[in-house]
N, C-alpha and C. Protein backbone atom coordinates (compact mmCIF):
# COMPACT_ATOMS: atom_id res chain seq x y z
N MET A 1 -288.89 -69.74 139.89
CA MET A 1 -287.53 -69.67 139.39
C MET A 1 -287.18 -68.21 139.17
N ASP A 2 -286.02 -67.82 139.63
CA ASP A 2 -285.55 -66.45 139.50
C ASP A 2 -284.92 -66.25 138.12
N LYS A 3 -285.51 -65.35 137.34
CA LYS A 3 -285.05 -65.10 135.98
C LYS A 3 -283.61 -64.57 135.96
N GLU A 4 -283.25 -63.75 136.93
CA GLU A 4 -281.90 -63.18 136.96
C GLU A 4 -280.84 -64.25 137.22
N VAL A 5 -281.15 -65.19 138.08
CA VAL A 5 -280.21 -66.28 138.35
C VAL A 5 -280.02 -67.14 137.10
N LEU A 6 -281.12 -67.42 136.40
CA LEU A 6 -281.04 -68.17 135.15
C LEU A 6 -280.21 -67.40 134.12
N TYR A 7 -280.45 -66.10 134.01
CA TYR A 7 -279.70 -65.28 133.06
C TYR A 7 -278.21 -65.31 133.37
N GLU A 8 -277.85 -65.17 134.63
CA GLU A 8 -276.43 -65.21 135.01
C GLU A 8 -275.80 -66.55 134.64
N ARG A 9 -276.52 -67.63 134.88
CA ARG A 9 -275.99 -68.96 134.56
C ARG A 9 -275.80 -69.11 133.05
N VAL A 10 -276.79 -68.73 132.27
CA VAL A 10 -276.71 -68.83 130.81
C VAL A 10 -275.62 -67.91 130.28
N GLN A 11 -275.56 -66.70 130.80
CA GLN A 11 -274.52 -65.75 130.38
C GLN A 11 -273.13 -66.32 130.63
N ASN A 12 -272.91 -66.90 131.78
CA ASN A 12 -271.61 -67.51 132.10
C ASN A 12 -271.29 -68.67 131.16
N MET A 13 -272.31 -69.45 130.81
CA MET A 13 -272.09 -70.56 129.88
C MET A 13 -271.68 -70.05 128.51
N ILE A 14 -272.31 -68.97 128.06
CA ILE A 14 -271.98 -68.41 126.76
C ILE A 14 -270.58 -67.80 126.76
N VAL A 15 -270.26 -67.02 127.79
CA VAL A 15 -268.97 -66.35 127.87
C VAL A 15 -267.83 -67.36 127.96
N SER A 16 -268.06 -68.48 128.64
CA SER A 16 -267.00 -69.48 128.80
C SER A 16 -266.90 -70.42 127.60
N SER A 17 -267.79 -70.27 126.63
CA SER A 17 -267.77 -71.10 125.44
C SER A 17 -266.51 -70.85 124.62
N THR A 18 -265.97 -71.91 124.05
CA THR A 18 -264.78 -71.77 123.20
C THR A 18 -265.14 -71.60 121.74
N LYS A 19 -266.43 -71.64 121.44
CA LYS A 19 -266.88 -71.51 120.05
C LYS A 19 -266.78 -70.06 119.60
N LYS A 20 -266.61 -69.86 118.31
CA LYS A 20 -266.56 -68.52 117.74
C LYS A 20 -267.57 -68.45 116.61
N PRO A 21 -268.55 -67.57 116.63
CA PRO A 21 -268.85 -66.66 117.73
C PRO A 21 -269.36 -67.43 118.93
N LYS A 22 -269.29 -66.80 120.08
CA LYS A 22 -269.65 -67.48 121.32
C LYS A 22 -271.15 -67.76 121.39
N TYR A 23 -271.47 -69.02 121.63
CA TYR A 23 -272.86 -69.44 121.80
C TYR A 23 -272.87 -70.71 122.63
N THR A 24 -274.05 -71.10 123.05
CA THR A 24 -274.21 -72.37 123.76
C THR A 24 -275.55 -72.97 123.40
N ALA A 25 -275.58 -74.29 123.36
CA ALA A 25 -276.84 -75.02 123.21
C ALA A 25 -277.26 -75.41 124.62
N LEU A 26 -278.52 -75.18 124.94
CA LEU A 26 -279.02 -75.44 126.29
C LEU A 26 -280.02 -76.58 126.29
N SER A 27 -279.97 -77.35 127.35
CA SER A 27 -280.99 -78.35 127.60
C SER A 27 -281.87 -77.83 128.73
N THR A 28 -283.11 -77.50 128.39
CA THR A 28 -284.00 -76.98 129.42
C THR A 28 -284.28 -78.04 130.49
N VAL A 29 -284.22 -79.29 130.11
CA VAL A 29 -284.43 -80.38 131.08
C VAL A 29 -283.29 -80.41 132.10
N LYS A 30 -282.05 -80.27 131.62
CA LYS A 30 -280.90 -80.27 132.53
C LYS A 30 -280.91 -79.03 133.42
N LEU A 31 -281.23 -77.88 132.84
CA LEU A 31 -281.30 -76.66 133.65
C LEU A 31 -282.40 -76.77 134.70
N ALA A 32 -283.53 -77.34 134.32
CA ALA A 32 -284.62 -77.51 135.28
C ALA A 32 -284.19 -78.43 136.42
N ASP A 33 -283.43 -79.46 136.10
CA ASP A 33 -282.94 -80.37 137.13
C ASP A 33 -281.98 -79.65 138.08
N ILE A 34 -281.11 -78.81 137.53
CA ILE A 34 -280.17 -78.06 138.35
C ILE A 34 -280.90 -77.12 139.31
N PHE A 35 -281.93 -76.43 138.79
CA PHE A 35 -282.66 -75.46 139.61
C PHE A 35 -283.80 -76.08 140.41
N GLY A 36 -284.11 -77.34 140.14
CA GLY A 36 -285.18 -78.00 140.88
C GLY A 36 -286.56 -77.49 140.51
N VAL A 37 -286.76 -77.17 139.22
CA VAL A 37 -288.06 -76.69 138.74
C VAL A 37 -288.46 -77.51 137.52
N LYS A 38 -289.62 -77.19 136.95
CA LYS A 38 -290.08 -77.86 135.74
C LYS A 38 -289.41 -77.24 134.52
N SER A 39 -289.20 -78.05 133.49
CA SER A 39 -288.55 -77.55 132.27
C SER A 39 -289.40 -76.46 131.61
N GLU A 40 -290.71 -76.50 131.80
CA GLU A 40 -291.58 -75.46 131.24
C GLU A 40 -291.27 -74.10 131.85
N ASP A 41 -290.92 -74.09 133.15
CA ASP A 41 -290.56 -72.84 133.81
C ASP A 41 -289.28 -72.26 133.21
N VAL A 42 -288.31 -73.12 132.93
CA VAL A 42 -287.06 -72.67 132.33
C VAL A 42 -287.33 -72.12 130.93
N GLU A 43 -288.13 -72.83 130.15
CA GLU A 43 -288.46 -72.38 128.80
C GLU A 43 -289.16 -71.01 128.83
N LYS A 44 -290.07 -70.84 129.76
CA LYS A 44 -290.80 -69.58 129.89
C LYS A 44 -289.85 -68.44 130.21
N ARG A 45 -288.94 -68.65 131.15
CA ARG A 45 -287.98 -67.61 131.53
C ARG A 45 -287.02 -67.29 130.39
N LEU A 46 -286.59 -68.32 129.66
CA LEU A 46 -285.71 -68.08 128.51
C LEU A 46 -286.43 -67.24 127.45
N GLU A 47 -287.69 -67.54 127.20
CA GLU A 47 -288.47 -66.76 126.23
C GLU A 47 -288.61 -65.31 126.68
N GLU A 48 -288.78 -65.10 127.98
CA GLU A 48 -288.86 -63.73 128.50
C GLU A 48 -287.56 -62.99 128.26
N LEU A 49 -286.43 -63.66 128.48
CA LEU A 49 -285.12 -63.04 128.26
C LEU A 49 -284.91 -62.70 126.79
N ILE A 50 -285.41 -63.56 125.91
CA ILE A 50 -285.31 -63.30 124.47
C ILE A 50 -286.16 -62.09 124.10
N LYS A 51 -287.40 -62.03 124.61
CA LYS A 51 -288.29 -60.91 124.31
C LYS A 51 -287.73 -59.59 124.84
N GLU A 52 -287.01 -59.65 125.96
CA GLU A 52 -286.40 -58.45 126.54
C GLU A 52 -285.15 -58.03 125.78
N GLY A 53 -284.67 -58.88 124.87
CA GLY A 53 -283.48 -58.56 124.11
C GLY A 53 -282.19 -58.88 124.82
N ARG A 54 -282.26 -59.65 125.88
CA ARG A 54 -281.05 -59.98 126.64
C ARG A 54 -280.36 -61.23 126.12
N LEU A 55 -281.10 -62.04 125.34
CA LEU A 55 -280.55 -63.24 124.70
C LEU A 55 -281.05 -63.30 123.27
N ASN A 56 -280.25 -63.90 122.41
CA ASN A 56 -280.67 -64.20 121.04
C ASN A 56 -280.75 -65.71 120.88
N LYS A 57 -281.76 -66.17 120.16
CA LYS A 57 -281.93 -67.60 119.94
C LYS A 57 -281.96 -67.85 118.44
N SER A 58 -281.23 -68.89 118.02
CA SER A 58 -281.25 -69.29 116.62
C SER A 58 -281.01 -70.80 116.54
N THR A 59 -281.00 -71.31 115.33
CA THR A 59 -280.78 -72.75 115.12
C THR A 59 -279.54 -72.93 114.26
N LEU A 60 -278.71 -73.89 114.64
CA LEU A 60 -277.53 -74.18 113.84
C LEU A 60 -277.96 -74.67 112.46
N PRO A 61 -277.31 -74.18 111.40
CA PRO A 61 -277.72 -74.56 110.05
C PRO A 61 -277.37 -76.00 109.68
N GLU A 62 -276.36 -76.57 110.31
CA GLU A 62 -275.97 -77.94 109.98
C GLU A 62 -276.43 -78.90 111.09
N PRO A 63 -276.60 -80.17 110.75
CA PRO A 63 -277.01 -81.14 111.76
C PRO A 63 -276.02 -81.16 112.91
N PRO A 64 -276.46 -81.29 114.10
CA PRO A 64 -277.77 -81.72 114.57
C PRO A 64 -278.78 -80.61 114.77
N ASN A 65 -278.57 -79.43 114.20
CA ASN A 65 -279.53 -78.32 114.22
C ASN A 65 -280.00 -77.94 115.63
N TYR A 66 -279.05 -77.85 116.55
CA TYR A 66 -279.39 -77.44 117.91
C TYR A 66 -279.91 -76.01 117.94
N GLU A 67 -280.79 -75.73 118.89
CA GLU A 67 -281.17 -74.35 119.17
C GLU A 67 -280.07 -73.78 120.03
N ILE A 68 -279.54 -72.62 119.62
CA ILE A 68 -278.42 -72.03 120.34
C ILE A 68 -278.81 -70.66 120.88
N TYR A 69 -278.10 -70.23 121.91
CA TYR A 69 -278.34 -68.95 122.55
C TYR A 69 -277.05 -68.15 122.53
N GLN A 70 -277.18 -66.86 122.22
CA GLN A 70 -276.04 -65.94 122.18
C GLN A 70 -276.43 -64.66 122.93
N LEU A 71 -275.41 -63.95 123.37
CA LEU A 71 -275.64 -62.63 123.93
C LEU A 71 -275.76 -61.64 122.78
N PRO A 72 -276.60 -60.61 122.92
CA PRO A 72 -276.72 -59.61 121.87
C PRO A 72 -275.37 -58.94 121.61
N GLN A 73 -275.13 -58.55 120.39
CA GLN A 73 -273.86 -57.92 120.03
C GLN A 73 -273.82 -56.49 120.46
């Protein structure tokens, strides 16, 4: 799986979000299905993007407590 293609897809999802501040909740299973790879591969690439500082990951404080992704400020 190409990390840059995944980043572009996630970035577009965040930018097109109507939420303020802009964020998106991702399903690694759905992304894996779209890219035709295993969900573990998607999770690994997302973690790499977080470690590189290209994405931020947090959890919503209220239920359903989704893990959300944002672009760095």
